[in-house]
Every structure is written in structure tokens, then in C-alpha cells.
């Protein structure tokens, strides 16, 4: 039963990643694109966590922390850039 739920999880994560990638391409503003990229970061983090749960190993959990920090810093940096430049 656990394997089936992981297949469903990875399927839904794939759909979410595709929809976020479409939003990155079709978004009308820079802020919308940044939010879609942030969603892609979160989806990748969830996929890594689900894979760690499937394997029963915590080897890649340090990678999750690094990805979370990089995603946060990137989002804050772009938000400050948008604020100084002005939304167009």
C-alpha cells in the first residue's frame, strides 16, 4: 500500500511541476514568475523528502535544508529587486 501511495504522490508532484513550469513561461509579471519558481523549489523538496521516505534513509535531508535556504534567499533577493525597480 505504501508503494501505491508513493506512486500517486510522485504523479501529483509531476503534474504540479509541469503546471508551475507553464506558469513560469506564461506569467504576466516578474513577481508571478518568481512565485512559480518558488513553487518548483518546494515541489522538488517534497520529491526529495518522499524519495527519502521511500528509501528509509535520511541521506538527502541535508540537501533539503540547503535547497530551502537557497530558495528563500533567492526569493527575498528578487523581491528586493522588484521593490527597488518597481513592478512593470
N, C-alpha and C. Protein backbone atom coordinates (compact mmCIF):
# COMPACT_ATOMS: atom_id res chain seq x y z
N UNK A 1 0.82 -1.20 0.00
CA UNK A 1 0.00 0.00 0.00
C UNK A 1 0.87 1.26 0.00
N UNK A 2 2.00 1.21 0.70
CA UNK A 2 2.89 2.37 0.76
C UNK A 2 3.46 2.69 -0.61
N UNK A 3 3.76 1.67 -1.41
CA UNK A 3 4.30 1.89 -2.75
C UNK A 3 3.28 2.59 -3.64
N UNK A 4 2.02 2.18 -3.54
CA UNK A 4 0.99 2.81 -4.36
C UNK A 4 0.82 4.28 -4.00
N UNK A 5 0.86 4.59 -2.72
CA UNK A 5 0.70 5.99 -2.31
C UNK A 5 1.88 6.84 -2.78
N UNK A 6 3.06 6.24 -2.83
CA UNK A 6 4.22 6.98 -3.34
C UNK A 6 4.11 7.22 -4.84
N UNK A 7 3.58 6.25 -5.57
CA UNK A 7 3.36 6.46 -7.00
C UNK A 7 2.37 7.59 -7.23
N UNK A 8 1.32 7.63 -6.44
CA UNK A 8 0.34 8.72 -6.55
C UNK A 8 0.99 10.04 -6.19
N UNK A 9 1.81 10.04 -5.13
CA UNK A 9 2.49 11.26 -4.71
C UNK A 9 3.41 11.78 -5.80
N UNK A 10 4.22 10.91 -6.39
CA UNK A 10 5.13 11.35 -7.44
C UNK A 10 4.37 11.78 -8.69
N UNK A 11 3.26 11.15 -8.97
CA UNK A 11 2.43 11.57 -10.11
C UNK A 11 1.86 12.96 -9.90
N UNK A 12 1.34 13.23 -8.70
CA UNK A 12 0.80 14.55 -8.41
C UNK A 12 1.90 15.61 -8.39
N UNK A 13 3.06 15.26 -7.88
CA UNK A 13 4.18 16.20 -7.89
C UNK A 13 4.63 16.51 -9.31
N UNK A 14 4.57 15.53 -10.18
CA UNK A 14 4.93 15.77 -11.59
C UNK A 14 3.94 16.72 -12.24
N UNK A 15 2.67 16.53 -11.97
CA UNK A 15 1.64 17.42 -12.51
C UNK A 15 1.85 18.84 -11.98
N UNK A 16 2.13 18.96 -10.69
CA UNK A 16 2.36 20.28 -10.09
C UNK A 16 3.58 20.95 -10.71
N UNK A 17 4.63 20.18 -10.95
CA UNK A 17 5.84 20.75 -11.55
C UNK A 17 5.59 21.23 -12.98
N UNK A 18 4.84 20.46 -13.73
CA UNK A 18 4.53 20.87 -15.11
C UNK A 18 3.67 22.13 -15.11
N UNK A 19 2.67 22.18 -14.25
CA UNK A 19 1.82 23.37 -14.19
C UNK A 19 2.61 24.60 -13.73
N UNK A 20 3.52 24.42 -12.79
CA UNK A 20 4.36 25.54 -12.34
C UNK A 20 5.30 25.99 -13.46
N UNK A 21 5.83 25.05 -14.22
CA UNK A 21 6.71 25.42 -15.34
C UNK A 21 5.94 26.19 -16.41
N UNK A 22 4.70 25.78 -16.64
CA UNK A 22 3.87 26.52 -17.59
C UNK A 22 3.62 27.93 -17.08
N UNK A 23 3.40 28.07 -15.78
CA UNK A 23 3.17 29.39 -15.20
C UNK A 23 4.42 30.26 -15.29
N UNK A 24 5.59 29.66 -15.18
CA UNK A 24 6.83 30.43 -15.33
C UNK A 24 6.90 31.03 -16.72
N UNK A 25 6.49 30.27 -17.71
CA UNK A 25 6.59 30.73 -19.10
C UNK A 25 5.49 31.74 -19.43
N UNK A 26 4.29 31.55 -18.90
CA UNK A 26 3.15 32.36 -19.32
C UNK A 26 2.77 33.46 -18.33
N UNK A 27 3.51 33.63 -17.26
CA UNK A 27 3.14 34.62 -16.25
C UNK A 27 3.28 36.03 -16.80
N UNK A 28 2.35 36.91 -16.43
CA UNK A 28 2.40 38.27 -16.98
C UNK A 28 3.44 39.17 -16.31
N UNK A 29 3.83 38.87 -15.08
CA UNK A 29 4.76 39.76 -14.40
C UNK A 29 5.92 38.96 -13.80
N UNK A 30 6.95 39.70 -13.43
CA UNK A 30 8.13 39.07 -12.83
C UNK A 30 7.80 38.45 -11.48
N UNK A 31 6.94 39.09 -10.71
CA UNK A 31 6.56 38.55 -9.40
C UNK A 31 5.85 37.21 -9.54
N UNK A 32 4.98 37.07 -10.55
CA UNK A 32 4.31 35.79 -10.77
C UNK A 32 5.30 34.70 -11.16
N UNK A 33 6.29 35.06 -11.94
CA UNK A 33 7.31 34.08 -12.33
C UNK A 33 8.15 33.63 -11.14
N UNK A 34 8.45 34.56 -10.26
CA UNK A 34 9.23 34.22 -9.06
C UNK A 34 8.44 33.29 -8.16
N UNK A 35 7.16 33.53 -8.01
CA UNK A 35 6.32 32.66 -7.19
C UNK A 35 6.24 31.28 -7.81
N UNK A 36 6.13 31.19 -9.13
CA UNK A 36 6.10 29.89 -9.80
C UNK A 36 7.43 29.16 -9.64
N UNK A 37 8.53 29.87 -9.71
CA UNK A 37 9.84 29.23 -9.48
C UNK A 37 9.98 28.77 -8.04
N UNK A 38 9.44 29.55 -7.11
CA UNK A 38 9.46 29.14 -5.71
C UNK A 38 8.63 27.87 -5.52
N UNK A 39 7.53 27.78 -6.24
CA UNK A 39 6.72 26.55 -6.19
C UNK A 39 7.50 25.36 -6.73
N UNK A 40 8.27 25.57 -7.78
CA UNK A 40 9.10 24.48 -8.31
C UNK A 40 10.14 24.03 -7.28
N UNK A 41 10.69 24.97 -6.54
CA UNK A 41 11.65 24.61 -5.48
C UNK A 41 10.96 23.78 -4.41
N UNK A 42 9.77 24.18 -4.01
CA UNK A 42 9.04 23.43 -2.98
C UNK A 42 8.66 22.04 -3.49
N UNK A 43 8.25 21.93 -4.74
CA UNK A 43 7.90 20.62 -5.30
C UNK A 43 9.13 19.72 -5.34
N UNK A 44 10.27 20.27 -5.70
CA UNK A 44 11.48 19.45 -5.70
C UNK A 44 11.86 19.01 -4.30
N UNK A 45 11.66 19.88 -3.32
CA UNK A 45 11.94 19.50 -1.94
C UNK A 45 11.02 18.38 -1.48
N UNK A 46 9.76 18.46 -1.82
CA UNK A 46 8.82 17.41 -1.43
C UNK A 46 9.17 16.10 -2.12
N UNK A 47 9.61 16.17 -3.38
CA UNK A 47 10.00 14.95 -4.09
C UNK A 47 11.22 14.30 -3.43
N UNK A 48 12.18 15.10 -3.01
CA UNK A 48 13.35 14.56 -2.32
C UNK A 48 12.95 13.94 -0.99
N UNK A 49 12.05 14.60 -0.26
CA UNK A 49 11.60 14.06 1.03
C UNK A 49 10.82 12.76 0.83
N UNK A 50 9.98 12.70 -0.20
CA UNK A 50 9.22 11.47 -0.46
C UNK A 50 10.16 10.33 -0.87
N UNK A 51 11.18 10.65 -1.64
CA UNK A 51 12.15 9.62 -2.01
C UNK A 51 12.93 9.14 -0.80
N UNK A 52 13.26 10.05 0.11
CA UNK A 52 13.95 9.65 1.34
C UNK A 52 13.05 8.76 2.19
N UNK A 53 11.76 9.04 2.22
CA UNK A 53 10.83 8.19 2.95
C UNK A 53 10.71 6.82 2.30
N UNK A 54 10.71 6.80 0.97
CA UNK A 54 10.61 5.52 0.25
C UNK A 54 11.82 4.64 0.52
N UNK A 55 13.00 5.26 0.54
CA UNK A 55 14.22 4.50 0.78
C UNK A 55 14.45 4.20 2.25
N UNK A 56 13.80 4.95 3.11
CA UNK A 56 14.01 4.78 4.54
C UNK A 56 15.37 5.30 4.98
N UNK A 57 15.85 6.30 4.28
CA UNK A 57 17.18 6.84 4.53
C UNK A 57 17.11 8.36 4.63
N UNK A 58 17.91 8.92 5.50
CA UNK A 58 17.94 10.35 5.65
C UNK A 58 19.17 10.98 5.03
N UNK A 59 19.74 10.34 4.03
CA UNK A 59 20.98 10.82 3.42
C UNK A 59 20.82 12.18 2.75
N UNK A 60 19.68 12.42 2.12
CA UNK A 60 19.50 13.64 1.36
C UNK A 60 18.77 14.73 2.14
N UNK A 61 18.56 14.56 3.43
CA UNK A 61 17.85 15.56 4.20
C UNK A 61 18.68 16.83 4.37
N UNK A 62 20.00 16.71 4.35
CA UNK A 62 20.84 17.91 4.37
C UNK A 62 20.65 18.72 3.09
N UNK A 63 20.44 18.03 1.99
CA UNK A 63 20.19 18.71 0.72
C UNK A 63 18.90 19.52 0.80
N UNK A 64 17.91 19.01 1.51
CA UNK A 64 16.66 19.75 1.67
C UNK A 64 16.88 21.07 2.38
N UNK A 65 17.72 21.08 3.38
CA UNK A 65 18.00 22.31 4.11
C UNK A 65 18.69 23.32 3.20
N UNK A 66 19.64 22.86 2.42
CA UNK A 66 20.36 23.76 1.51
C UNK A 66 19.42 24.31 0.45
N UNK A 67 18.58 23.47 -0.12
CA UNK A 67 17.62 23.93 -1.14
C UNK A 67 16.65 24.94 -0.54
N UNK A 68 16.18 24.69 0.68
CA UNK A 68 15.25 25.62 1.33
C UNK A 68 15.91 26.98 1.56
N UNK A 69 17.15 26.97 2.02
CA UNK A 69 17.85 28.23 2.25
C UNK A 69 18.12 28.98 0.96
N UNK A 70 18.54 28.27 -0.07
CA UNK A 70 18.79 28.93 -1.35
C UNK A 70 17.50 29.49 -1.95
N UNK A 71 16.41 28.74 -1.85
CA UNK A 71 15.13 29.22 -2.35
C UNK A 71 14.66 30.46 -1.62
N UNK A 72 14.83 30.47 -0.31
CA UNK A 72 14.43 31.63 0.49
C UNK A 72 15.26 32.86 0.13
N UNK A 73 16.57 32.69 0.07
CA UNK A 73 17.46 33.82 -0.25
C UNK A 73 17.17 34.34 -1.66
N UNK A 74 16.95 33.46 -2.60
CA UNK A 74 16.66 33.88 -3.97
C UNK A 74 15.34 34.65 -4.04
N UNK A 75 14.33 34.16 -3.35
CA UNK A 75 13.03 34.83 -3.37
C UNK A 75 13.12 36.22 -2.73
N UNK A 76 13.81 36.32 -1.61
CA UNK A 76 13.97 37.62 -0.95
C UNK A 76 14.77 38.57 -1.82
N UNK A 77 15.80 38.07 -2.48
CA UNK A 77 16.62 38.93 -3.34
C UNK A 77 15.82 39.48 -4.51
N UNK A 78 15.04 38.63 -5.13
CA UNK A 78 14.23 39.09 -6.26
C UNK A 78 13.13 40.03 -5.79
N UNK A 79 12.57 39.78 -4.61
CA UNK A 79 11.55 40.68 -4.07
C UNK A 79 12.14 42.07 -3.82
N UNK A 80 13.35 42.13 -3.30
CA UNK A 80 14.00 43.43 -3.09
C UNK A 80 14.30 44.10 -4.42
N UNK A 81 14.69 43.31 -5.42
CA UNK A 81 14.94 43.86 -6.75
C UNK A 81 13.67 44.46 -7.35
N UNK A 82 12.57 43.73 -7.22
CA UNK A 82 11.29 44.22 -7.75
C UNK A 82 10.86 45.48 -7.02
N UNK A 83 11.07 45.49 -5.71
CA UNK A 83 10.67 46.65 -4.91
C UNK A 83 11.45 47.90 -5.32
N UNK A 84 12.74 47.76 -5.54
CA UNK A 84 13.55 48.92 -5.92
C UNK A 84 13.30 49.36 -7.35
N UNK A 85 13.08 48.40 -8.22
CA UNK A 85 12.89 48.70 -9.64
C UNK A 85 11.49 49.17 -9.92
N UNK A 86 10.53 48.63 -9.19
CA UNK A 86 9.13 48.94 -9.45
C UNK A 86 8.53 47.88 -10.34
N UNK A 87 7.32 47.47 -10.02
CA UNK A 87 6.65 46.43 -10.81
C UNK A 87 6.25 47.01 -12.17
N UNK A 88 6.52 46.24 -13.22
CA UNK A 88 6.16 46.69 -14.57
C UNK A 88 5.16 45.79 -15.20
